[in-house]
Amino acid sequence: MHVGTNQTITTEFVFRPFSIVPTMQWLLFMLFLLLYLTIITGNTSIIWVVHTDHALQSPMYFFLGNLALLEVCYTTTVVPQMLASILDPHTTISLTGCGIQMFLFVALGSTDCFLLAIMAYDRYVAICRPLLYPLVMTRKLCLHLVITALSLAFLLSLELTALIFAMPFCKHQINHVLCDVPPMLRLACADVHIHQTVMFSVGVIVLTIPFLLICLSYVFIVAAVLRIHSSQGRHQAFSTCSSHLTVVLLQYGCCSLVYLRPKSRSSEEEDRQLALIYTFATPMLNPLIYSLRNKDIKGALRRAVRQTIISQPR
């Protein structure tokens, strides 16, 4: 810290501990470590089978592989620092480190939301325009869509992070699990109305607009599925879409409560609990939801495991 004219300016932060009881700290550490390893294992398995199995080379699985990669990076941005803080509540994070964590977290999380909207568009074209699907969803277009999502997300995150960290901070304890936007605004010793407006605007771009596009896609998808005469065809279409819709509701629901809810109705403790959900639950459930409800992924995983066992030296 260094002292200014009227106030003490903070240059490093600590996270509020979940517990000061050593036994509870170790239990929480082991729990979060187990969840983190499950996330890494599950999503890495999805990435592996999508890139190695020739039956999973369609645009849907290309986007799914990118989503899994995002989840690995997104979680890794937060969890190692969280684990260190659980073991030692006095573990600090520098102002620069906090800014980098916020930038990466917001950028990767925003890309995640954009990618879910792209996946909804992919399902719309596949179900509503099946004959045009191979012509529309080319490999080149898929790659361009992912790059555009990443570029827009990183640009929005850079602007938001730069705006927030241009402010001085007067408190050093972050009542959260990471350097997220709402808890950092609570530490600022300056007027944050403009910053809250910008945060809300970014939230609308990242959450509201993609969510509305997803809803619009699913209106057309449901209408098209209901016109399918084969009950097996309807079941297959609904099965694929319900997996995606489950992930969408988890991701957008939790994030909307944090970033789009008026400050007067939000509480630090609720935001902290919601952060645990979208840091652990969503990335962990994604591979489970897609693998358990998708016979192609299940088949690819079985083939990959069988091939690994066969290739082991005897």
C-alpha atoms as a PDB file:
ATOM      1  CA  MET A   1       0.000   0.000   0.000  1.00  0.00           C
ATOM      2  CA  HIS A   2       1.050   3.630  -0.356  1.00  0.00           C
ATOM      3  CA  VAL A   3      -0.485   6.683   1.172  1.00  0.00           C
ATOM      4  CA  GLY A   4      -2.075   9.407  -0.908  1.00  0.00           C
ATOM      5  CA  THR A   5      -3.249  12.822   0.169  1.00  0.00           C
ATOM      6  CA  ASN A   6      -6.442  11.733   1.927  1.00  0.00           C
ATOM      7  CA  GLN A   7      -6.552   7.956   1.721  1.00  0.00           C
ATOM      8  CA  THR A   8      -4.563   4.746   1.630  1.00  0.00           C
ATOM      9  CA  ILE A   9      -4.387   3.219  -1.835  1.00  0.00           C
ATOM     10  CA  THR A  10      -4.266  -0.579  -2.056  1.00  0.00           C
ATOM     11  CA  THR A  11      -1.783  -2.262  -4.410  1.00  0.00           C
ATOM     12  CA  GLU A  12      -2.368  -5.885  -3.339  1.00  0.00           C
ATOM     13  CA  PHE A  13      -5.373  -7.860  -2.180  1.00  0.00           C
ATOM     14  CA  VAL A  14      -6.379 -10.916  -0.172  1.00  0.00           C
ATOM     15  CA  PHE A  15      -9.535 -13.010  -0.621  1.00  0.00           C
ATOM     16  CA  ARG A  16     -11.912 -13.397   2.294  1.00  0.00           C
ATOM     17  CA  PRO A  17     -11.394 -16.921   3.659  1.00  0.00           C
ATOM     18  CA  PHE A  18     -14.183 -19.487   3.529  1.00  0.00           C
ATOM     19  CA  SER A  19     -13.153 -20.655   6.993  1.00  0.00           C
ATOM     20  CA  ILE A  20     -10.392 -20.018   9.535  1.00  0.00           C
ATOM     21  CA  VAL A  21     -10.674 -23.551  10.965  1.00  0.00           C
ATOM     22  CA  PRO A  22      -7.666 -25.572   9.684  1.00  0.00           C
ATOM     23  CA  THR A  23      -9.643 -28.828   9.304  1.00  0.00           C
ATOM     24  CA  MET A  24     -12.344 -27.077   7.298  1.00  0.00           C
ATOM     25  CA  GLN A  25      -9.687 -25.368   5.157  1.00  0.00           C
ATOM     26  CA  TRP A  26      -8.197 -28.753   4.228  1.00  0.00           C
ATOM     27  CA  LEU A  27     -11.626 -30.228   3.500  1.00  0.00           C
ATOM     28  CA  LEU A  28     -12.511 -27.297   1.228  1.00  0.00           C
ATOM     29  CA  PHE A  29      -9.106 -27.498  -0.435  1.00  0.00           C
ATOM     30  CA  MET A  30      -9.561 -31.200  -1.200  1.00  0.00           C
ATOM     31  CA  LEU A  31     -13.145 -30.662  -2.404  1.00  0.00           C
ATOM     32  CA  PHE A  32     -12.256 -27.829  -4.785  1.00  0.00           C
ATOM     33  CA  LEU A  33      -9.126 -29.652  -5.974  1.00  0.00           C
ATOM     34  CA  LEU A  34     -11.215 -32.750  -6.736  1.00  0.00           C
ATOM     35  CA  LEU A  35     -13.774 -30.651  -8.628  1.00  0.00           C
ATOM     36  CA  TYR A  36     -10.989 -28.922 -10.567  1.00  0.00           C
ATOM     37  CA  LEU A  37      -9.353 -32.218 -11.548  1.00  0.00           C
ATOM     38  CA  THR A  38     -12.779 -33.549 -12.603  1.00  0.00           C
ATOM     39  CA  ILE A  39     -13.285 -30.480 -14.816  1.00  0.00           C
ATOM     40  CA  ILE A  40      -9.846 -30.841 -16.390  1.00  0.00           C
ATOM     41  CA  THR A  41     -10.278 -34.583 -16.956  1.00  0.00           C
ATOM     42  CA  GLY A  42     -13.817 -34.359 -18.349  1.00  0.00           C
ATOM     43  CA  ASN A  43     -13.186 -31.462 -20.712  1.00  0.00           C
ATOM     44  CA  THR A  44      -9.793 -32.769 -21.820  1.00  0.00           C
ATOM     45  CA  SER A  45     -11.488 -36.074 -22.703  1.00  0.00           C
ATOM     46  CA  ILE A  46     -13.988 -34.206 -24.880  1.00  0.00           C
ATOM     47  CA  ILE A  47     -11.164 -32.290 -26.618  1.00  0.00           C
ATOM     48  CA  TRP A  48      -9.248 -35.533 -27.153  1.00  0.00           C
ATOM     49  CA  VAL A  49     -12.075 -37.538 -28.734  1.00  0.00           C
ATOM     50  CA  VAL A  50     -13.287 -34.624 -30.876  1.00  0.00           C
ATOM     51  CA  HIS A  51      -9.826 -34.151 -32.373  1.00  0.00           C
ATOM     52  CA  THR A  52      -8.945 -37.848 -32.783  1.00  0.00           C
ATOM     53  CA  ASP A  53     -12.207 -39.566 -33.718  1.00  0.00           C
ATOM     54  CA  HIS A  54     -13.063 -39.287 -37.421  1.00  0.00           C
ATOM     55  CA  ALA A  55     -16.772 -39.721 -36.661  1.00  0.00           C
ATOM     56  CA  LEU A  56     -16.795 -36.425 -34.736  1.00  0.00           C
ATOM     57  CA  GLN A  57     -15.593 -34.035 -37.434  1.00  0.00           C
ATOM     58  CA  SER A  58     -18.883 -32.163 -37.917  1.00  0.00           C
ATOM     59  CA  PRO A  59     -19.257 -28.452 -36.986  1.00  0.00           C
ATOM     60  CA  MET A  60     -21.266 -29.338 -33.856  1.00  0.00           C
ATOM     61  CA  TYR A  61     -18.347 -31.288 -32.394  1.00  0.00           C
ATOM     62  CA  PHE A  62     -15.826 -28.684 -33.558  1.00  0.00           C
ATOM     63  CA  PHE A  63     -17.699 -26.114 -31.439  1.00  0.00           C
ATOM     64  CA  LEU A  64     -18.048 -28.592 -28.570  1.00  0.00           C
ATOM     65  CA  GLY A  65     -14.277 -29.168 -28.565  1.00  0.00           C
ATOM     66  CA  ASN A  66     -13.678 -25.419 -28.452  1.00  0.00           C
ATOM     67  CA  LEU A  67     -16.212 -25.059 -25.637  1.00  0.00           C
ATOM     68  CA  ALA A  68     -14.368 -27.734 -23.627  1.00  0.00           C
ATOM     69  CA  LEU A  69     -11.034 -25.958 -24.218  1.00  0.00           C
ATOM     70  CA  LEU A  70     -12.573 -22.684 -23.043  1.00  0.00           C
ATOM     71  CA  GLU A  71     -13.842 -24.359 -19.863  1.00  0.00           C
ATOM     72  CA  VAL A  72     -10.355 -25.678 -19.058  1.00  0.00           C
ATOM     73  CA  CYS A  73      -8.750 -22.226 -19.537  1.00  0.00           C
ATOM     74  CA  TYR A  74     -11.630 -20.403 -17.801  1.00  0.00           C
ATOM     75  CA  THR A  75     -11.415 -22.575 -14.679  1.00  0.00           C
ATOM     76  CA  THR A  76      -7.603 -22.540 -14.591  1.00  0.00           C
ATOM     77  CA  THR A  77      -7.723 -18.731 -14.488  1.00  0.00           C
ATOM     78  CA  VAL A  78      -9.475 -18.892 -11.107  1.00  0.00           C
ATOM     79  CA  VAL A  79      -8.928 -22.162  -9.253  1.00  0.00           C
ATOM     80  CA  PRO A  80      -5.131 -22.255  -8.569  1.00  0.00           C
ATOM     81  CA  GLN A  81      -5.252 -18.850  -6.844  1.00  0.00           C
ATOM     82  CA  MET A  82      -8.390 -19.924  -4.967  1.00  0.00           C
ATOM     83  CA  LEU A  83      -6.707 -23.107  -3.716  1.00  0.00           C
ATOM     84  CA  ALA A  84      -3.665 -21.146  -2.535  1.00  0.00           C
ATOM     85  CA  SER A  85      -5.908 -18.711  -0.649  1.00  0.00           C
ATOM     86  CA  ILE A  86      -7.833 -21.551   1.011  1.00  0.00           C
ATOM     87  CA  LEU A  87      -4.632 -23.105   2.373  1.00  0.00           C
ATOM     88  CA  ASP A  88      -3.203 -19.741   3.435  1.00  0.00           C
ATOM     89  CA  PRO A  89      -5.765 -16.940   3.910  1.00  0.00           C
ATOM     90  CA  HIS A  90      -2.893 -14.434   3.950  1.00  0.00           C
ATOM     91  CA  THR A  91      -1.944 -15.244   0.341  1.00  0.00           C
ATOM     92  CA  THR A  92      -1.978 -11.992  -1.614  1.00  0.00           C
ATOM     93  CA  ILE A  93      -2.585 -11.164  -5.248  1.00  0.00           C
ATOM     94  CA  SER A  94      -0.997  -8.054  -6.713  1.00  0.00           C
ATOM     95  CA  LEU A  95      -2.925  -5.279  -8.425  1.00  0.00           C
ATOM     96  CA  THR A  96      -1.474  -6.395 -11.772  1.00  0.00           C
ATOM     97  CA  GLY A  97      -2.237 -10.060 -11.055  1.00  0.00           C
ATOM     98  CA  CYS A  98      -5.787  -9.162 -10.126  1.00  0.00           C
ATOM     99  CA  GLY A  99      -6.216  -7.186 -13.355  1.00  0.00           C
ATOM    100  CA  ILE A 100      -4.868 -10.069 -15.449  1.00  0.00           C
ATOM    101  CA  GLN A 101      -7.195 -12.526 -13.710  1.00  0.00           C
ATOM    102  CA  MET A 102     -10.228 -10.283 -14.310  1.00  0.00           C
ATOM    103  CA  PHE A 103      -9.287  -9.726 -17.955  1.00  0.00           C
ATOM    104  CA  LEU A 104      -8.888 -13.438 -18.687  1.00  0.00           C
ATOM    105  CA  PHE A 105     -11.956 -14.456 -16.674  1.00  0.00           C
ATOM    106  CA  VAL A 106     -14.266 -11.946 -18.366  1.00  0.00           C
ATOM    107  CA  ALA A 107     -12.773 -12.611 -21.826  1.00  0.00           C
ATOM    108  CA  LEU A 108     -13.036 -16.402 -21.604  1.00  0.00           C
ATOM    109  CA  GLY A 109     -16.460 -16.270 -19.948  1.00  0.00           C
ATOM    110  CA  SER A 110     -17.745 -13.912 -22.652  1.00  0.00           C
ATOM    111  CA  THR A 111     -16.344 -16.160 -25.395  1.00  0.00           C
ATOM    112  CA  ASP A 112     -18.164 -19.051 -23.713  1.00  0.00           C
ATOM    113  CA  CYS A 113     -21.470 -17.173 -23.978  1.00  0.00           C
ATOM    114  CA  PHE A 114     -20.889 -16.198 -27.614  1.00  0.00           C
ATOM    115  CA  LEU A 115     -19.938 -19.786 -28.458  1.00  0.00           C
ATOM    116  CA  LEU A 116     -23.169 -21.124 -26.971  1.00  0.00           C
ATOM    117  CA  ALA A 117     -25.080 -18.748 -29.279  1.00  0.00           C
ATOM    118  CA  ILE A 118     -23.019 -19.979 -32.255  1.00  0.00           C
ATOM    119  CA  MET A 119     -23.833 -23.577 -31.282  1.00  0.00           C
ATOM    120  CA  ALA A 120     -27.535 -22.704 -31.244  1.00  0.00           C
ATOM    121  CA  TYR A 121     -27.209 -21.251 -34.763  1.00  0.00           C
ATOM    122  CA  ASP A 122     -25.430 -24.449 -35.848  1.00  0.00           C
ATOM    123  CA  ARG A 123     -28.346 -26.558 -34.538  1.00  0.00           C
ATOM    124  CA  TYR A 124     -30.829 -24.206 -36.246  1.00  0.00           C
ATOM    125  CA  VAL A 125     -29.166 -24.676 -39.641  1.00  0.00           C
ATOM    126  CA  ALA A 126     -28.782 -28.455 -39.116  1.00  0.00           C
ATOM    127  CA  ILE A 127     -32.438 -28.992 -38.203  1.00  0.00           C
ATOM    128  CA  CYS A 128     -34.258 -26.248 -40.120  1.00  0.00           C
ATOM    129  CA  ARG A 129     -32.057 -26.164 -43.261  1.00  0.00           C
ATOM    130  CA  PRO A 130     -30.572 -29.691 -43.437  1.00  0.00           C
ATOM    131  CA  LEU A 131     -29.928 -29.638 -47.198  1.00  0.00           C
ATOM    132  CA  LEU A 132     -27.984 -26.366 -46.949  1.00  0.00           C
ATOM    133  CA  TYR A 133     -26.103 -27.378 -43.782  1.00  0.00           C
ATOM    134  CA  PRO A 134     -22.912 -28.677 -45.483  1.00  0.00           C
ATOM    135  CA  LEU A 135     -22.813 -25.575 -47.709  1.00  0.00           C
ATOM    136  CA  VAL A 136     -23.452 -23.047 -44.918  1.00  0.00           C
ATOM    137  CA  MET A 137     -21.507 -24.488 -41.967  1.00  0.00           C
ATOM    138  CA  THR A 138     -18.166 -24.929 -43.699  1.00  0.00           C
ATOM    139  CA  ARG A 139     -14.948 -25.460 -41.754  1.00  0.00           C
ATOM    140  CA  LYS A 140     -13.818 -21.968 -42.777  1.00  0.00           C
ATOM    141  CA  LEU A 141     -17.015 -20.328 -41.481  1.00  0.00           C
ATOM    142  CA  CYS A 142     -16.825 -22.280 -38.202  1.00  0.00           C
ATOM    143  CA  LEU A 143     -13.247 -21.115 -37.658  1.00  0.00           C
ATOM    144  CA  HIS A 144     -14.169 -17.514 -38.472  1.00  0.00           C
ATOM    145  CA  LEU A 145     -17.096 -17.615 -36.024  1.00  0.00           C
ATOM    146  CA  VAL A 146     -14.850 -18.847 -33.187  1.00  0.00           C
ATOM    147  CA  ILE A 147     -12.162 -16.231 -33.949  1.00  0.00           C
ATOM    148  CA  THR A 148     -14.807 -13.470 -34.087  1.00  0.00           C
ATOM    149  CA  ALA A 149     -16.249 -14.572 -30.734  1.00  0.00           C
ATOM    150  CA  LEU A 150     -12.779 -14.581 -29.160  1.00  0.00           C
ATOM    151  CA  SER A 151     -11.849 -11.183 -30.628  1.00  0.00           C
ATOM    152  CA  LEU A 152     -15.064  -9.473 -29.528  1.00  0.00           C
ATOM    153  CA  ALA A 153     -14.878 -11.009 -26.042  1.00  0.00           C
ATOM    154  CA  PHE A 154     -11.235 -10.018 -25.522  1.00  0.00           C
ATOM    155  CA  LEU A 155     -11.917  -6.473 -26.765  1.00  0.00           C
ATOM    156  CA  LEU A 156     -14.872  -5.990 -24.394  1.00  0.00           C
ATOM    157  CA  SER A 157     -12.902  -7.481 -21.505  1.00  0.00           C
ATOM    158  CA  LEU A 158      -9.887  -5.253 -22.179  1.00  0.00           C
ATOM    159  CA  GLU A 159     -12.019  -2.097 -22.173  1.00  0.00           C
ATOM    160  CA  LEU A 160     -13.889  -3.085 -18.999  1.00  0.00           C
ATOM    161  CA  THR A 161     -10.758  -4.172 -17.114  1.00  0.00           C
ATOM    162  CA  ALA A 162      -8.818  -1.044 -18.107  1.00  0.00           C
ATOM    163  CA  LEU A 163     -11.696   1.167 -16.961  1.00  0.00           C
ATOM    164  CA  ILE A 164     -11.988  -0.549 -13.578  1.00  0.00           C
ATOM    165  CA  PHE A 165      -8.267  -0.686 -12.806  1.00  0.00           C
ATOM    166  CA  ALA A 166      -7.859   2.991 -13.653  1.00  0.00           C
ATOM    167  CA  MET A 167      -9.604   3.616 -10.306  1.00  0.00           C
ATOM    168  CA  PRO A 168      -7.883   3.655  -6.905  1.00  0.00           C
ATOM    169  CA  PHE A 169      -8.847   0.922  -4.427  1.00  0.00           C
ATOM    170  CA  CYS A 170      -9.091   1.669  -0.694  1.00  0.00           C
ATOM    171  CA  LYS A 171      -9.870  -1.783   0.711  1.00  0.00           C
ATOM    172  CA  HIS A 172      -7.667  -4.824   0.418  1.00  0.00           C
ATOM    173  CA  GLN A 173      -9.983  -7.757   1.211  1.00  0.00           C
ATOM    174  CA  ILE A 174     -12.003  -9.127  -1.727  1.00  0.00           C
ATOM    175  CA  ASN A 175     -15.232 -10.732  -0.524  1.00  0.00           C
ATOM    176  CA  HIS A 176     -15.307 -13.146  -3.430  1.00  0.00           C
ATOM    177  CA  VAL A 177     -13.481 -16.125  -4.935  1.00  0.00           C
ATOM    178  CA  LEU A 178     -11.772 -14.147  -7.707  1.00  0.00           C
ATOM    179  CA  CYS A 179     -11.077 -10.638  -9.001  1.00  0.00           C
ATOM    180  CA  ASP A 180     -14.474 -10.273 -10.639  1.00  0.00           C
ATOM    181  CA  VAL A 181     -16.050  -6.967 -11.657  1.00  0.00           C
ATOM    182  CA  PRO A 182     -18.766  -6.506  -8.967  1.00  0.00           C
ATOM    183  CA  PRO A 183     -16.519  -7.210  -5.927  1.00  0.00           C
ATOM    184  CA  MET A 184     -13.750  -4.966  -7.289  1.00  0.00           C
ATOM    185  CA  LEU A 185     -16.203  -2.100  -7.714  1.00  0.00           C
ATOM    186  CA  ARG A 186     -17.066  -2.451  -4.018  1.00  0.00           C
ATOM    187  CA  LEU A 187     -13.405  -1.877  -3.109  1.00  0.00           C
ATOM    188  CA  ALA A 188     -13.038   1.314  -5.135  1.00  0.00           C
ATOM    189  CA  CYS A 189     -12.722   4.692  -3.429  1.00  0.00           C
ATOM    190  CA  ALA A 190     -14.271   6.608  -6.311  1.00  0.00           C
ATOM    191  CA  ASP A 191     -17.649   7.162  -7.937  1.00  0.00           C
ATOM    192  CA  VAL A 192     -18.478   3.910  -9.744  1.00  0.00           C
ATOM    193  CA  HIS A 193     -21.755   4.837 -11.451  1.00  0.00           C
ATOM    194  CA  ILE A 194     -20.135   5.043 -14.891  1.00  0.00           C
ATOM    195  CA  HIS A 195     -18.325   1.755 -14.278  1.00  0.00           C
ATOM    196  CA  GLN A 196     -21.574   0.055 -13.268  1.00  0.00           C
ATOM    197  CA  THR A 197     -23.252   1.379 -16.422  1.00  0.00           C
ATOM    198  CA  VAL A 198     -20.405   0.030 -18.572  1.00  0.00           C
ATOM    199  CA  MET A 199     -20.547  -3.328 -16.751  1.00  0.00           C
ATOM    200  CA  PHE A 200     -24.296  -3.510 -17.392  1.00  0.00           C
ATOM    201  CA  SER A 201     -23.793  -2.606 -21.073  1.00  0.00           C
ATOM    202  CA  VAL A 202     -21.153  -5.301 -21.483  1.00  0.00           C
ATOM    203  CA  GLY A 203     -23.513  -7.725 -19.699  1.00  0.00           C
ATOM    204  CA  VAL A 204     -26.257  -6.934 -22.211  1.00  0.00           C
ATOM    205  CA  ILE A 205     -23.890  -7.534 -25.153  1.00  0.00           C
ATOM    206  CA  VAL A 206     -22.458 -10.743 -23.700  1.00  0.00           C
ATOM    207  CA  LEU A 207     -25.541 -12.221 -22.017  1.00  0.00           C
ATOM    208  CA  THR A 208     -28.835 -10.699 -23.152  1.00  0.00           C
ATOM    209  CA  ILE A 209     -28.274 -10.456 -26.912  1.00  0.00           C
ATOM    210  CA  PRO A 210     -26.816 -13.983 -27.330  1.00  0.00           C
ATOM    211  CA  PHE A 211     -29.535 -15.411 -25.079  1.00  0.00           C
ATOM    212  CA  LEU A 212     -32.276 -13.779 -27.188  1.00  0.00           C
ATOM    213  CA  LEU A 213     -30.646 -15.147 -30.346  1.00  0.00           C
ATOM    214  CA  ILE A 214     -30.544 -18.618 -28.750  1.00  0.00           C
ATOM    215  CA  CYS A 215     -34.235 -18.348 -27.827  1.00  0.00           C
ATOM    216  CA  LEU A 216     -35.093 -17.263 -31.386  1.00  0.00           C
ATOM    217  CA  SER A 217     -33.113 -20.190 -32.803  1.00  0.00           C
ATOM    218  CA  TYR A 218     -34.957 -22.619 -30.564  1.00  0.00           C
ATOM    219  CA  VAL A 219     -38.359 -21.249 -31.548  1.00  0.00           C
ATOM    220  CA  PHE A 220     -37.566 -22.198 -35.153  1.00  0.00           C
ATOM    221  CA  ILE A 221     -35.949 -25.482 -34.056  1.00  0.00           C
ATOM    222  CA  VAL A 222     -38.977 -26.586 -32.009  1.00  0.00           C
ATOM    223  CA  ALA A 223     -41.321 -25.662 -34.873  1.00  0.00           C
ATOM    224  CA  ALA A 224     -39.202 -27.700 -37.307  1.00  0.00           C
ATOM    225  CA  VAL A 225     -38.901 -30.687 -34.954  1.00  0.00           C
ATOM    226  CA  LEU A 226     -42.652 -30.840 -34.429  1.00  0.00           C
ATOM    227  CA  ARG A 227     -43.062 -31.173 -38.196  1.00  0.00           C
ATOM    228  CA  ILE A 228     -40.832 -34.300 -38.253  1.00  0.00           C
ATOM    229  CA  HIS A 229     -43.082 -37.326 -38.838  1.00  0.00           C
ATOM    230  CA  SER A 230     -40.677 -39.897 -37.389  1.00  0.00           C
ATOM    231  CA  SER A 231     -40.844 -40.188 -33.594  1.00  0.00           C
ATOM    232  CA  GLN A 232     -37.231 -41.409 -33.584  1.00  0.00           C
ATOM    233  CA  GLY A 233     -36.160 -38.331 -35.568  1.00  0.00           C
ATOM    234  CA  ARG A 234     -37.988 -36.020 -33.148  1.00  0.00           C
ATOM    235  CA  HIS A 235     -36.430 -37.767 -30.166  1.00  0.00           C
ATOM    236  CA  GLN A 236     -32.922 -37.482 -31.631  1.00  0.00           C
ATOM    237  CA  ALA A 237     -33.338 -33.781 -32.451  1.00  0.00           C
ATOM    238  CA  PHE A 238     -34.766 -32.951 -29.012  1.00  0.00           C
ATOM    239  CA  SER A 239     -32.038 -34.991 -27.293  1.00  0.00           C
ATOM    240  CA  THR A 240     -29.249 -33.066 -29.028  1.00  0.00           C
ATOM    241  CA  CYS A 241     -30.881 -29.692 -28.403  1.00  0.00           C
ATOM    242  CA  SER A 242     -31.843 -30.371 -24.782  1.00  0.00           C
ATOM    243  CA  SER A 243     -28.173 -30.966 -23.897  1.00  0.00           C
ATOM    244  CA  HIS A 244     -27.242 -27.574 -25.322  1.00  0.00           C
ATOM    245  CA  LEU A 245     -30.246 -25.871 -23.712  1.00  0.00           C
ATOM    246  CA  THR A 246     -29.355 -27.263 -20.263  1.00  0.00           C
ATOM    247  CA  VAL A 247     -25.858 -25.780 -20.512  1.00  0.00           C
ATOM    248  CA  VAL A 248     -27.289 -22.459 -21.752  1.00  0.00           C
ATOM    249  CA  LEU A 249     -29.692 -22.127 -18.820  1.00  0.00           C
ATOM    250  CA  LEU A 250     -26.936 -22.894 -16.291  1.00  0.00           C
ATOM    251  CA  GLN A 251     -24.445 -20.460 -17.804  1.00  0.00           C
ATOM    252  CA  TYR A 252     -26.741 -17.550 -18.623  1.00  0.00           C
ATOM    253  CA  GLY A 253     -28.892 -17.931 -15.505  1.00  0.00           C
ATOM    254  CA  CYS A 254     -26.037 -17.649 -13.004  1.00  0.00           C
ATOM    255  CA  CYS A 255     -24.147 -14.943 -14.907  1.00  0.00           C
ATOM    256  CA  SER A 256     -27.269 -12.816 -15.405  1.00  0.00           C
ATOM    257  CA  LEU A 257     -27.955 -12.818 -11.667  1.00  0.00           C
ATOM    258  CA  VAL A 258     -24.437 -11.460 -11.034  1.00  0.00           C
ATOM    259  CA  TYR A 259     -23.966  -8.963 -13.871  1.00  0.00           C
ATOM    260  CA  LEU A 260     -27.461  -7.787 -14.796  1.00  0.00           C
ATOM    261  CA  ARG A 261     -29.127  -7.614 -11.382  1.00  0.00           C
ATOM    262  CA  PRO A 262     -29.482  -4.098  -9.885  1.00  0.00           C
ATOM    263  CA  LYS A 263     -26.870  -3.358  -7.216  1.00  0.00           C
ATOM    264  CA  SER A 264     -29.616  -2.633  -4.655  1.00  0.00           C
ATOM    265  CA  ARG A 265     -30.854  -6.234  -4.963  1.00  0.00           C
ATOM    266  CA  SER A 266     -27.487  -7.963  -4.967  1.00  0.00           C
ATOM    267  CA  SER A 267     -25.496  -9.137  -1.978  1.00  0.00           C
ATOM    268  CA  GLU A 268     -21.818  -9.992  -1.742  1.00  0.00           C
ATOM    269  CA  GLU A 269     -22.524 -13.429  -0.274  1.00  0.00           C
ATOM    270  CA  GLU A 270     -25.010 -14.357  -3.020  1.00  0.00           C
ATOM    271  CA  ASP A 271     -22.562 -13.237  -5.711  1.00  0.00           C
ATOM    272  CA  ARG A 272     -19.847 -15.339  -4.072  1.00  0.00           C
ATOM    273  CA  GLN A 273     -22.063 -18.440  -4.047  1.00  0.00           C
ATOM    274  CA  LEU A 274     -23.138 -17.908  -7.663  1.00  0.00           C
ATOM    275  CA  ALA A 275     -19.472 -17.538  -8.650  1.00  0.00           C
ATOM    276  CA  LEU A 276     -18.785 -20.997  -7.248  1.00  0.00           C
ATOM    277  CA  ILE A 277     -21.583 -22.368  -9.449  1.00  0.00           C
ATOM    278  CA  TYR A 278     -20.311 -20.872 -12.714  1.00  0.00           C
ATOM    279  CA  THR A 279     -16.678 -21.555 -11.781  1.00  0.00           C
ATOM    280  CA  PHE A 280     -17.187 -25.224 -10.861  1.00  0.00           C
ATOM    281  CA  ALA A 281     -20.669 -26.537 -11.655  1.00  0.00           C
ATOM    282  CA  THR A 282     -21.055 -25.388 -15.274  1.00  0.00           C
ATOM    283  CA  PRO A 283     -17.579 -26.455 -16.518  1.00  0.00           C
ATOM    284  CA  MET A 284     -17.951 -29.795 -14.697  1.00  0.00           C
ATOM    285  CA  LEU A 285     -21.469 -30.509 -15.953  1.00  0.00           C
ATOM    286  CA  ASN A 286     -20.764 -29.589 -19.601  1.00  0.00           C
ATOM    287  CA  PRO A 287     -18.860 -32.782 -20.478  1.00  0.00           C
ATOM    288  CA  LEU A 288     -21.247 -34.880 -18.377  1.00  0.00           C
ATOM    289  CA  ILE A 289     -24.339 -33.443 -20.057  1.00  0.00           C
ATOM    290  CA  TYR A 290     -22.951 -33.768 -23.570  1.00  0.00           C
ATOM    291  CA  SER A 291     -21.399 -37.208 -23.081  1.00  0.00           C
ATOM    292  CA  LEU A 292     -24.326 -38.794 -21.236  1.00  0.00           C
ATOM    293  CA  ARG A 293     -26.943 -37.475 -23.672  1.00  0.00           C
ATOM    294  CA  ASN A 294     -24.967 -37.914 -26.893  1.00  0.00           C
ATOM    295  CA  LYS A 295     -24.467 -41.420 -28.270  1.00  0.00           C
ATOM    296  CA  ASP A 296     -21.703 -40.271 -30.676  1.00  0.00           C
ATOM    297  CA  ILE A 297     -19.604 -38.876 -27.821  1.00  0.00           C
ATOM    298  CA  LYS A 298     -20.253 -41.972 -25.685  1.00  0.00           C
ATOM    299  CA  GLY A 299     -19.269 -44.215 -28.578  1.00  0.00           C
ATOM    300  CA  ALA A 300     -16.111 -42.194 -29.270  1.00  0.00           C
ATOM    301  CA  LEU A 301     -15.089 -42.318 -25.608  1.00  0.00           C
ATOM    302  CA  ARG A 302     -15.611 -46.101 -25.515  1.00  0.00           C
ATOM    303  CA  ARG A 303     -13.538 -46.527 -28.683  1.00  0.00           C
ATOM    304  CA  ALA A 304     -10.782 -44.297 -27.315  1.00  0.00           C
ATOM    305  CA  VAL A 305     -10.612 -46.200 -24.006  1.00  0.00           C
ATOM    306  CA  ARG A 306     -10.663 -49.549 -25.825  1.00  0.00           C
ATOM    307  CA  GLN A 307      -7.883 -48.416 -28.170  1.00  0.00           C
ATOM    308  CA  THR A 308      -5.795 -47.206 -25.224  1.00  0.00           C
ATOM    309  CA  ILE A 309      -6.178 -50.538 -23.440  1.00  0.00           C
ATOM    310  CA  ILE A 310      -5.318 -52.525 -26.568  1.00  0.00           C
ATOM    311  CA  SER A 311      -2.232 -50.405 -27.272  1.00  0.00           C
ATOM    312  CA  GLN A 312      -0.814 -50.990 -23.769  1.00  0.00           C
ATOM    313  CA  PRO A 313       2.277 -53.277 -23.835  1.00  0.00           C
ATOM    314  CA  ARG A 314       1.570 -56.724 -22.430  1.00  0.00           C
END
